[in-house]
Amino acid sequence: MFGRLLLLFIVVPLLDLFLLLWISKFTGLAATIGLVILTGIIGAWLAKQQGTFVKGQIKDRLSQQQMPADLIGDGAMILFAAGLLLTPGLLTDLLGFSLLIPACRSQYKKVFAQSFKSSFNFQVFTPPMNQPRHHPDDPNIIDGEVVEKHNEDESPLPRK
C-alpha cells in the first residue's frame, strides 16, 4: 500500500507538471498560468455550490430522522475534489471536476464499494438454537437493568 501511495505521490505531480509544460509550449506561459487560475476559480465555485447543496440535503435527512450516510460520502468526495482543485495540474483538476459531478460521484461510490467489499471477508457466526448466546460465567458480560424515569418526583432507582 505504501509503495502505491508513494508512486501516486510522485507520478501524478510529475505528469501534471509535464502536461503544464507541454501545454505552455503551444499556448505560452501566461495562457497556461491563466488556465490554472481559471480552473481554480471554476473549481472553487463548483465545490462551494455542490457542498452547499449536499449540506442542505444532509440537514433535510437529519430533520426527517434519517441517516444521511450516502450524503456524508458525497460531502467527503466534494472536500477531496476541492483539495485536488487546489493542486495546479490538469490531471488533478480533471479528477477534481469529475468528483463535483453527482453522476460521476455515484459511479465512483459504486467502484469504491466494490473494491472495499472485495478486500474484506465478511462472515456471520450464530450459535445453534439450543445454546445460550454467552456463558453465564463470562467475565466480559455485565448484567444490568434499565430504569426509565417518568417524572421528577419518582426516584430513578428501582423499588424493591
N, C-alpha and C. Protein backbone atom coordinates (compact mmCIF):
# COMPACT_ATOMS: atom_id res chain seq x y z
N MET A 1 0.82 -1.19 0.00
CA MET A 1 0.00 0.00 0.00
C MET A 1 0.87 1.26 0.00
N PHE A 2 1.92 1.26 0.85
CA PHE A 2 2.80 2.42 0.91
C PHE A 2 3.47 2.66 -0.44
N GLY A 3 3.86 1.57 -1.10
CA GLY A 3 4.51 1.68 -2.41
C GLY A 3 3.60 2.32 -3.44
N ARG A 4 2.32 1.94 -3.43
CA ARG A 4 1.36 2.52 -4.36
C ARG A 4 1.15 4.00 -4.08
N LEU A 5 1.03 4.34 -2.79
CA LEU A 5 0.85 5.76 -2.43
C LEU A 5 2.08 6.57 -2.81
N LEU A 6 3.25 6.03 -2.56
CA LEU A 6 4.48 6.73 -2.91
C LEU A 6 4.54 6.96 -4.41
N LEU A 7 4.22 5.93 -5.18
CA LEU A 7 4.20 6.05 -6.63
C LEU A 7 3.19 7.11 -7.07
N LEU A 8 2.02 7.09 -6.44
CA LEU A 8 0.97 8.06 -6.76
C LEU A 8 1.42 9.48 -6.43
N PHE A 9 2.07 9.66 -5.29
CA PHE A 9 2.52 10.99 -4.87
C PHE A 9 3.69 11.50 -5.71
N ILE A 10 4.36 10.63 -6.43
CA ILE A 10 5.47 11.05 -7.29
C ILE A 10 5.02 11.17 -8.74
N VAL A 11 4.32 10.15 -9.23
CA VAL A 11 3.96 10.10 -10.65
C VAL A 11 2.92 11.15 -11.02
N VAL A 12 1.87 11.31 -10.22
CA VAL A 12 0.80 12.25 -10.58
C VAL A 12 1.32 13.69 -10.65
N PRO A 13 2.05 14.18 -9.64
CA PRO A 13 2.57 15.56 -9.77
C PRO A 13 3.52 15.73 -10.96
N LEU A 14 4.35 14.70 -11.23
CA LEU A 14 5.24 14.81 -12.38
C LEU A 14 4.47 14.84 -13.69
N LEU A 15 3.42 14.02 -13.80
CA LEU A 15 2.59 14.06 -15.01
C LEU A 15 1.88 15.40 -15.15
N ASP A 16 1.38 15.93 -14.03
CA ASP A 16 0.74 17.24 -14.07
C ASP A 16 1.73 18.32 -14.52
N LEU A 17 2.92 18.29 -13.97
CA LEU A 17 3.95 19.26 -14.35
C LEU A 17 4.32 19.11 -15.83
N PHE A 18 4.49 17.87 -16.27
CA PHE A 18 4.82 17.62 -17.67
C PHE A 18 3.72 18.17 -18.59
N LEU A 19 2.46 17.91 -18.25
CA LEU A 19 1.36 18.40 -19.09
C LEU A 19 1.31 19.93 -19.12
N LEU A 20 1.54 20.56 -17.97
CA LEU A 20 1.53 22.03 -17.94
C LEU A 20 2.67 22.60 -18.79
N LEU A 21 3.85 21.99 -18.69
CA LEU A 21 4.98 22.45 -19.51
C LEU A 21 4.72 22.21 -20.99
N TRP A 22 4.14 21.07 -21.32
CA TRP A 22 3.84 20.73 -22.71
C TRP A 22 2.82 21.72 -23.29
N ILE A 23 1.77 22.03 -22.50
CA ILE A 23 0.76 22.98 -22.97
C ILE A 23 1.36 24.38 -23.12
N SER A 24 2.26 24.74 -22.21
CA SER A 24 2.86 26.08 -22.29
C SER A 24 3.71 26.26 -23.54
N LYS A 25 4.20 25.15 -24.13
CA LYS A 25 4.94 25.24 -25.39
C LYS A 25 4.05 25.78 -26.51
N PHE A 26 2.77 25.37 -26.48
CA PHE A 26 1.85 25.75 -27.55
C PHE A 26 1.08 27.03 -27.26
N THR A 27 0.79 27.27 -26.00
CA THR A 27 -0.06 28.41 -25.66
C THR A 27 0.71 29.56 -25.02
N GLY A 28 1.89 29.30 -24.53
CA GLY A 28 2.66 30.32 -23.84
C GLY A 28 2.47 30.20 -22.33
N LEU A 29 3.39 30.79 -21.60
CA LEU A 29 3.38 30.70 -20.15
C LEU A 29 2.19 31.42 -19.54
N ALA A 30 1.87 32.60 -20.05
CA ALA A 30 0.76 33.39 -19.50
C ALA A 30 -0.58 32.64 -19.66
N ALA A 31 -0.80 32.04 -20.81
CA ALA A 31 -2.06 31.32 -21.04
C ALA A 31 -2.14 30.08 -20.14
N THR A 32 -1.02 29.42 -19.93
CA THR A 32 -1.01 28.23 -19.06
C THR A 32 -1.29 28.62 -17.62
N ILE A 33 -0.68 29.69 -17.15
CA ILE A 33 -0.95 30.17 -15.79
C ILE A 33 -2.41 30.62 -15.69
N GLY A 34 -2.91 31.27 -16.74
CA GLY A 34 -4.32 31.67 -16.77
C GLY A 34 -5.25 30.47 -16.70
N LEU A 35 -4.88 29.39 -17.37
CA LEU A 35 -5.68 28.16 -17.33
C LEU A 35 -5.72 27.60 -15.92
N VAL A 36 -4.58 27.60 -15.23
CA VAL A 36 -4.53 27.11 -13.85
C VAL A 36 -5.42 27.98 -12.95
N ILE A 37 -5.34 29.30 -13.14
CA ILE A 37 -6.16 30.22 -12.34
C ILE A 37 -7.64 30.03 -12.65
N LEU A 38 -7.97 29.90 -13.92
CA LEU A 38 -9.38 29.72 -14.32
C LEU A 38 -9.96 28.42 -13.76
N THR A 39 -9.21 27.33 -13.85
CA THR A 39 -9.73 26.08 -13.29
C THR A 39 -9.86 26.17 -11.78
N GLY A 40 -8.99 26.94 -11.14
CA GLY A 40 -9.10 27.14 -9.69
C GLY A 40 -10.36 27.91 -9.33
N ILE A 41 -10.67 28.96 -10.08
CA ILE A 41 -11.87 29.76 -9.81
C ILE A 41 -13.13 28.95 -10.06
N ILE A 42 -13.19 28.28 -11.20
CA ILE A 42 -14.37 27.46 -11.53
C ILE A 42 -14.51 26.32 -10.52
N GLY A 43 -13.40 25.70 -10.16
CA GLY A 43 -13.44 24.60 -9.19
C GLY A 43 -13.92 25.05 -7.83
N ALA A 44 -13.45 26.21 -7.37
CA ALA A 44 -13.89 26.73 -6.07
C ALA A 44 -15.38 27.02 -6.10
N TRP A 45 -15.86 27.60 -7.18
CA TRP A 45 -17.29 27.91 -7.29
C TRP A 45 -18.13 26.63 -7.29
N LEU A 46 -17.72 25.65 -8.09
CA LEU A 46 -18.46 24.38 -8.15
C LEU A 46 -18.42 23.63 -6.82
N ALA A 47 -17.25 23.63 -6.16
CA ALA A 47 -17.13 22.94 -4.87
C ALA A 47 -18.04 23.59 -3.85
N LYS A 48 -18.09 24.92 -3.84
CA LYS A 48 -18.97 25.61 -2.90
C LYS A 48 -20.43 25.30 -3.20
N GLN A 49 -20.80 25.33 -4.48
CA GLN A 49 -22.18 25.05 -4.88
C GLN A 49 -22.59 23.63 -4.49
N GLN A 50 -21.77 22.66 -4.83
CA GLN A 50 -22.10 21.27 -4.53
C GLN A 50 -22.06 21.00 -3.02
N GLY A 51 -21.10 21.60 -2.34
CA GLY A 51 -21.01 21.43 -0.90
C GLY A 51 -22.23 21.99 -0.18
N THR A 52 -22.68 23.17 -0.62
CA THR A 52 -23.88 23.78 -0.02
C THR A 52 -25.11 22.93 -0.29
N PHE A 53 -25.22 22.39 -1.50
CA PHE A 53 -26.36 21.55 -1.86
C PHE A 53 -26.39 20.28 -1.01
N VAL A 54 -25.25 19.60 -0.90
CA VAL A 54 -25.19 18.36 -0.12
C VAL A 54 -25.43 18.65 1.36
N LYS A 55 -24.90 19.76 1.86
CA LYS A 55 -25.12 20.14 3.26
C LYS A 55 -26.62 20.34 3.52
N GLY A 56 -27.32 20.97 2.59
CA GLY A 56 -28.77 21.15 2.74
C GLY A 56 -29.50 19.82 2.74
N GLN A 57 -29.09 18.90 1.87
CA GLN A 57 -29.72 17.58 1.83
C GLN A 57 -29.47 16.81 3.12
N ILE A 58 -28.27 16.94 3.68
CA ILE A 58 -27.96 16.27 4.96
C ILE A 58 -28.87 16.82 6.05
N LYS A 59 -29.02 18.13 6.10
CA LYS A 59 -29.89 18.74 7.11
C LYS A 59 -31.33 18.26 6.95
N ASP A 60 -31.81 18.17 5.70
CA ASP A 60 -33.17 17.68 5.45
C ASP A 60 -33.35 16.25 5.95
N ARG A 61 -32.38 15.39 5.62
CA ARG A 61 -32.49 13.99 6.06
C ARG A 61 -32.46 13.88 7.57
N LEU A 62 -31.58 14.65 8.21
CA LEU A 62 -31.50 14.61 9.67
C LEU A 62 -32.79 15.12 10.31
N SER A 63 -33.40 16.14 9.70
CA SER A 63 -34.66 16.65 10.25
C SER A 63 -35.78 15.62 10.11
N GLN A 64 -35.65 14.71 9.14
CA GLN A 64 -36.63 13.63 8.96
C GLN A 64 -36.20 12.39 9.74
N GLN A 65 -35.18 12.53 10.56
CA GLN A 65 -34.63 11.46 11.39
C GLN A 65 -34.17 10.27 10.54
N GLN A 66 -33.53 10.58 9.42
CA GLN A 66 -32.94 9.57 8.55
C GLN A 66 -31.43 9.73 8.57
N MET A 67 -30.73 8.63 8.44
CA MET A 67 -29.27 8.68 8.43
C MET A 67 -28.77 9.02 7.02
N PRO A 68 -28.02 10.10 6.86
CA PRO A 68 -27.56 10.51 5.53
C PRO A 68 -26.18 9.95 5.17
N ALA A 69 -25.99 8.66 5.33
CA ALA A 69 -24.66 8.06 5.12
C ALA A 69 -24.15 8.31 3.71
N ASP A 70 -24.98 8.13 2.70
CA ASP A 70 -24.53 8.34 1.32
C ASP A 70 -24.16 9.79 1.08
N LEU A 71 -24.89 10.71 1.70
CA LEU A 71 -24.60 12.13 1.52
C LEU A 71 -23.33 12.53 2.24
N ILE A 72 -23.03 11.88 3.34
CA ILE A 72 -21.77 12.17 4.04
C ILE A 72 -20.60 11.73 3.15
N GLY A 73 -20.78 10.62 2.46
CA GLY A 73 -19.77 10.19 1.48
C GLY A 73 -19.62 11.20 0.36
N ASP A 74 -20.74 11.75 -0.11
CA ASP A 74 -20.69 12.79 -1.14
C ASP A 74 -19.94 14.01 -0.63
N GLY A 75 -20.22 14.40 0.61
CA GLY A 75 -19.53 15.55 1.18
C GLY A 75 -18.03 15.33 1.26
N ALA A 76 -17.62 14.12 1.64
CA ALA A 76 -16.20 13.80 1.70
C ALA A 76 -15.57 13.85 0.31
N MET A 77 -16.30 13.37 -0.69
CA MET A 77 -15.79 13.40 -2.05
C MET A 77 -15.67 14.84 -2.56
N ILE A 78 -16.61 15.69 -2.19
CA ILE A 78 -16.56 17.10 -2.60
C ILE A 78 -15.36 17.78 -1.94
N LEU A 79 -15.13 17.48 -0.69
CA LEU A 79 -13.97 18.03 0.02
C LEU A 79 -12.67 17.56 -0.63
N PHE A 80 -12.61 16.30 -0.99
CA PHE A 80 -11.43 15.76 -1.67
C PHE A 80 -11.26 16.44 -3.03
N ALA A 81 -12.37 16.67 -3.74
CA ALA A 81 -12.32 17.34 -5.04
C ALA A 81 -11.76 18.75 -4.88
N ALA A 82 -12.19 19.45 -3.84
CA ALA A 82 -11.68 20.80 -3.61
C ALA A 82 -10.17 20.76 -3.38
N GLY A 83 -9.69 19.77 -2.64
CA GLY A 83 -8.26 19.62 -2.44
C GLY A 83 -7.52 19.34 -3.73
N LEU A 84 -8.11 18.52 -4.58
CA LEU A 84 -7.48 18.25 -5.88
C LEU A 84 -7.44 19.49 -6.75
N LEU A 85 -8.49 20.30 -6.68
CA LEU A 85 -8.54 21.51 -7.50
C LEU A 85 -7.60 22.59 -6.97
N LEU A 86 -7.18 22.48 -5.73
CA LEU A 86 -6.17 23.41 -5.20
C LEU A 86 -4.80 23.12 -5.79
N THR A 87 -4.60 21.88 -6.19
CA THR A 87 -3.32 21.47 -6.75
C THR A 87 -3.25 21.88 -8.21
N PRO A 88 -2.25 22.67 -8.60
CA PRO A 88 -2.18 23.05 -10.01
C PRO A 88 -1.80 21.85 -10.87
N GLY A 89 -2.59 21.58 -11.87
CA GLY A 89 -2.32 20.48 -12.78
C GLY A 89 -3.59 20.03 -13.47
N LEU A 90 -3.44 19.49 -14.65
CA LEU A 90 -4.61 19.11 -15.43
C LEU A 90 -5.21 17.78 -14.99
N LEU A 91 -4.38 16.81 -14.62
CA LEU A 91 -4.91 15.52 -14.20
C LEU A 91 -5.68 15.65 -12.89
N THR A 92 -5.10 16.36 -11.93
CA THR A 92 -5.79 16.53 -10.65
C THR A 92 -7.06 17.36 -10.83
N ASP A 93 -7.02 18.36 -11.72
CA ASP A 93 -8.22 19.15 -11.99
C ASP A 93 -9.30 18.30 -12.64
N LEU A 94 -8.91 17.45 -13.56
CA LEU A 94 -9.88 16.59 -14.23
C LEU A 94 -10.57 15.66 -13.24
N LEU A 95 -9.79 15.03 -12.37
CA LEU A 95 -10.39 14.17 -11.34
C LEU A 95 -11.23 15.00 -10.37
N GLY A 96 -10.73 16.16 -9.97
CA GLY A 96 -11.48 17.03 -9.06
C GLY A 96 -12.81 17.46 -9.65
N PHE A 97 -12.81 17.90 -10.91
CA PHE A 97 -14.07 18.30 -11.56
C PHE A 97 -15.03 17.13 -11.67
N SER A 98 -14.51 15.94 -11.97
CA SER A 98 -15.39 14.78 -12.10
C SER A 98 -16.04 14.44 -10.75
N LEU A 99 -15.31 14.66 -9.65
CA LEU A 99 -15.88 14.40 -8.33
C LEU A 99 -16.98 15.40 -7.96
N LEU A 100 -17.02 16.53 -8.64
CA LEU A 100 -18.05 17.53 -8.36
C LEU A 100 -19.33 17.29 -9.15
N ILE A 101 -19.30 16.32 -10.05
CA ILE A 101 -20.49 15.98 -10.84
C ILE A 101 -21.20 14.83 -10.14
N PRO A 102 -22.48 15.04 -9.73
CA PRO A 102 -23.17 13.99 -8.96
C PRO A 102 -23.20 12.62 -9.64
N ALA A 103 -23.40 12.57 -10.94
CA ALA A 103 -23.45 11.27 -11.63
C ALA A 103 -22.10 10.56 -11.56
N CYS A 104 -21.02 11.31 -11.67
CA CYS A 104 -19.68 10.71 -11.57
C CYS A 104 -19.41 10.24 -10.14
N ARG A 105 -19.84 11.05 -9.15
CA ARG A 105 -19.66 10.62 -7.75
C ARG A 105 -20.36 9.31 -7.50
N SER A 106 -21.54 9.16 -8.07
CA SER A 106 -22.30 7.92 -7.91
C SER A 106 -21.51 6.73 -8.46
N GLN A 107 -20.90 6.91 -9.62
CA GLN A 107 -20.11 5.83 -10.21
C GLN A 107 -18.86 5.55 -9.38
N TYR A 108 -18.21 6.60 -8.90
CA TYR A 108 -17.03 6.41 -8.05
C TYR A 108 -17.41 5.65 -6.78
N LYS A 109 -18.57 5.97 -6.20
CA LYS A 109 -19.01 5.28 -4.98
C LYS A 109 -19.22 3.80 -5.25
N LYS A 110 -19.80 3.47 -6.40
CA LYS A 110 -20.01 2.06 -6.75
C LYS A 110 -18.69 1.32 -6.88
N VAL A 111 -17.74 1.93 -7.57
CA VAL A 111 -16.43 1.30 -7.76
C VAL A 111 -15.73 1.15 -6.42
N PHE A 112 -15.78 2.20 -5.58
CA PHE A 112 -15.14 2.15 -4.27
C PHE A 112 -15.78 1.08 -3.40
N ALA A 113 -17.11 0.99 -3.43
CA ALA A 113 -17.81 -0.02 -2.62
C ALA A 113 -17.43 -1.43 -3.08
N GLN A 114 -17.35 -1.65 -4.39
CA GLN A 114 -16.95 -2.97 -4.90
C GLN A 114 -15.53 -3.30 -4.45
N SER A 115 -14.65 -2.33 -4.53
CA SER A 115 -13.27 -2.55 -4.12
C SER A 115 -13.18 -2.83 -2.63
N PHE A 116 -13.95 -2.07 -1.85
CA PHE A 116 -13.94 -2.24 -0.41
C PHE A 116 -14.49 -3.61 -0.02
N LYS A 117 -15.60 -4.02 -0.64
CA LYS A 117 -16.20 -5.32 -0.34
C LYS A 117 -15.28 -6.48 -0.70
N SER A 118 -14.58 -6.34 -1.82
CA SER A 118 -13.73 -7.45 -2.25
C SER A 118 -12.47 -7.57 -1.40
N SER A 119 -12.12 -6.52 -0.67
CA SER A 119 -10.91 -6.59 0.14
C SER A 119 -11.17 -7.15 1.53
N PHE A 120 -12.43 -7.42 1.86
CA PHE A 120 -12.77 -7.97 3.17
C PHE A 120 -13.55 -9.26 3.00
N ASN A 121 -13.43 -10.13 3.98
CA ASN A 121 -14.18 -11.37 4.00
C ASN A 121 -15.13 -11.29 5.19
N PHE A 122 -16.40 -11.08 4.92
CA PHE A 122 -17.39 -10.95 5.98
C PHE A 122 -18.00 -12.30 6.28
N GLN A 123 -18.07 -12.65 7.57
CA GLN A 123 -18.70 -13.88 7.99
C GLN A 123 -19.56 -13.59 9.21
N VAL A 124 -20.70 -14.23 9.28
CA VAL A 124 -21.58 -14.08 10.43
C VAL A 124 -21.67 -15.43 11.12
N PHE A 125 -21.38 -15.43 12.41
CA PHE A 125 -21.45 -16.66 13.20
C PHE A 125 -22.64 -16.55 14.14
N THR A 126 -23.49 -17.55 14.12
CA THR A 126 -24.62 -17.58 15.05
C THR A 126 -24.57 -18.88 15.82
N PRO A 127 -24.86 -18.81 17.11
CA PRO A 127 -24.85 -20.06 17.89
C PRO A 127 -26.06 -20.91 17.51
N PRO A 128 -25.97 -22.22 17.74
CA PRO A 128 -27.12 -23.08 17.49
C PRO A 128 -28.30 -22.65 18.35
N MET A 129 -29.49 -22.98 17.93
CA MET A 129 -30.73 -22.53 18.58
C MET A 129 -30.82 -22.98 20.05
N ASN A 130 -30.29 -24.16 20.39
CA ASN A 130 -30.46 -24.68 21.74
C ASN A 130 -29.36 -24.25 22.70
N GLN A 131 -28.39 -23.44 22.23
CA GLN A 131 -27.31 -23.00 23.11
C GLN A 131 -27.48 -21.51 23.45
N PRO A 132 -27.13 -21.14 24.69
CA PRO A 132 -27.21 -19.71 25.01
C PRO A 132 -26.17 -18.92 24.22
N ARG A 133 -26.41 -17.64 24.04
CA ARG A 133 -25.51 -16.80 23.26
C ARG A 133 -24.19 -16.53 23.98
N HIS A 134 -24.18 -16.63 25.30
CA HIS A 134 -22.95 -16.44 26.05
C HIS A 134 -22.98 -17.32 27.28
N HIS A 135 -21.83 -17.58 27.79
CA HIS A 135 -21.72 -18.37 29.00
C HIS A 135 -22.00 -17.48 30.20
N PRO A 136 -22.79 -17.95 31.19
CA PRO A 136 -23.13 -17.10 32.33
C PRO A 136 -21.92 -16.68 33.17
N ASP A 137 -20.83 -17.42 33.11
CA ASP A 137 -19.64 -17.07 33.89
C ASP A 137 -18.65 -16.21 33.09
N ASP A 138 -19.05 -15.73 31.95
CA ASP A 138 -18.18 -14.93 31.11
C ASP A 138 -17.88 -13.60 31.81
N PRO A 139 -16.61 -13.27 32.09
CA PRO A 139 -16.27 -12.03 32.80
C PRO A 139 -16.51 -10.78 31.95
N ASN A 140 -16.71 -10.94 30.65
CA ASN A 140 -16.94 -9.79 29.78
C ASN A 140 -18.41 -9.37 29.73
N ILE A 141 -19.28 -10.15 30.38
CA ILE A 141 -20.71 -9.84 30.39
C ILE A 141 -21.08 -9.25 31.75
N ILE A 142 -21.73 -8.11 31.73
CA ILE A 142 -22.19 -7.47 32.97
C ILE A 142 -23.71 -7.38 32.89
N ASP A 143 -24.37 -8.05 33.81
CA ASP A 143 -25.82 -7.97 33.85
C ASP A 143 -26.23 -6.63 34.45
N GLY A 144 -27.31 -6.10 33.97
CA GLY A 144 -27.82 -4.83 34.49
C GLY A 144 -29.26 -4.67 34.08
N GLU A 145 -29.86 -3.59 34.52
CA GLU A 145 -31.22 -3.31 34.11
C GLU A 145 -31.34 -1.83 33.81
N VAL A 146 -32.26 -1.51 32.94
CA VAL A 146 -32.50 -0.13 32.55
C VAL A 146 -33.73 0.36 33.27
N VAL A 147 -33.62 1.53 33.85
CA VAL A 147 -34.73 2.13 34.57
C VAL A 147 -35.06 3.44 33.88
N GLU A 148 -36.32 3.60 33.51
CA GLU A 148 -36.74 4.82 32.84
C GLU A 148 -37.44 5.73 33.83
N LYS A 149 -37.01 6.96 33.90
CA LYS A 149 -37.59 7.93 34.82
C LYS A 149 -38.72 8.65 34.09
N HIS A 150 -39.94 8.62 34.69
CA HIS A 150 -41.10 9.21 34.01
C HIS A 150 -41.39 10.63 34.45
N ASN A 151 -41.22 10.95 35.72
CA ASN A 151 -41.37 12.35 36.12
C ASN A 151 -40.38 12.66 37.23
N GLU A 152 -40.26 13.90 37.57
CA GLU A 152 -39.22 14.31 38.50
C GLU A 152 -39.44 13.81 39.93
N ASP A 153 -40.68 13.49 40.31
CA ASP A 153 -40.95 13.04 41.68
C ASP A 153 -40.50 11.60 41.91
N GLU A 154 -40.45 10.82 40.87
CA GLU A 154 -40.07 9.42 41.01
C GLU A 154 -38.57 9.28 41.11
N SER A 155 -38.14 8.35 41.91
CA SER A 155 -36.72 8.08 42.05
C SER A 155 -36.26 7.27 40.84
N PRO A 156 -35.06 7.55 40.32
CA PRO A 156 -34.55 6.78 39.18
C PRO A 156 -34.14 5.37 39.56
N LEU A 157 -34.07 5.09 40.85
CA LEU A 157 -33.67 3.75 41.30
C LEU A 157 -34.88 2.83 41.35
N PRO A 158 -34.70 1.57 40.99
CA PRO A 158 -35.84 0.65 41.04
C PRO A 158 -36.27 0.40 42.48
N ARG A 159 -37.58 0.23 42.68
CA ARG A 159 -38.11 -0.07 44.02
C ARG A 159 -38.11 -1.56 44.24
N LYS A 160 -37.90 -1.93 45.48
CA LYS A 160 -37.86 -3.37 45.79
C LYS A 160 -39.10 -3.76 46.53
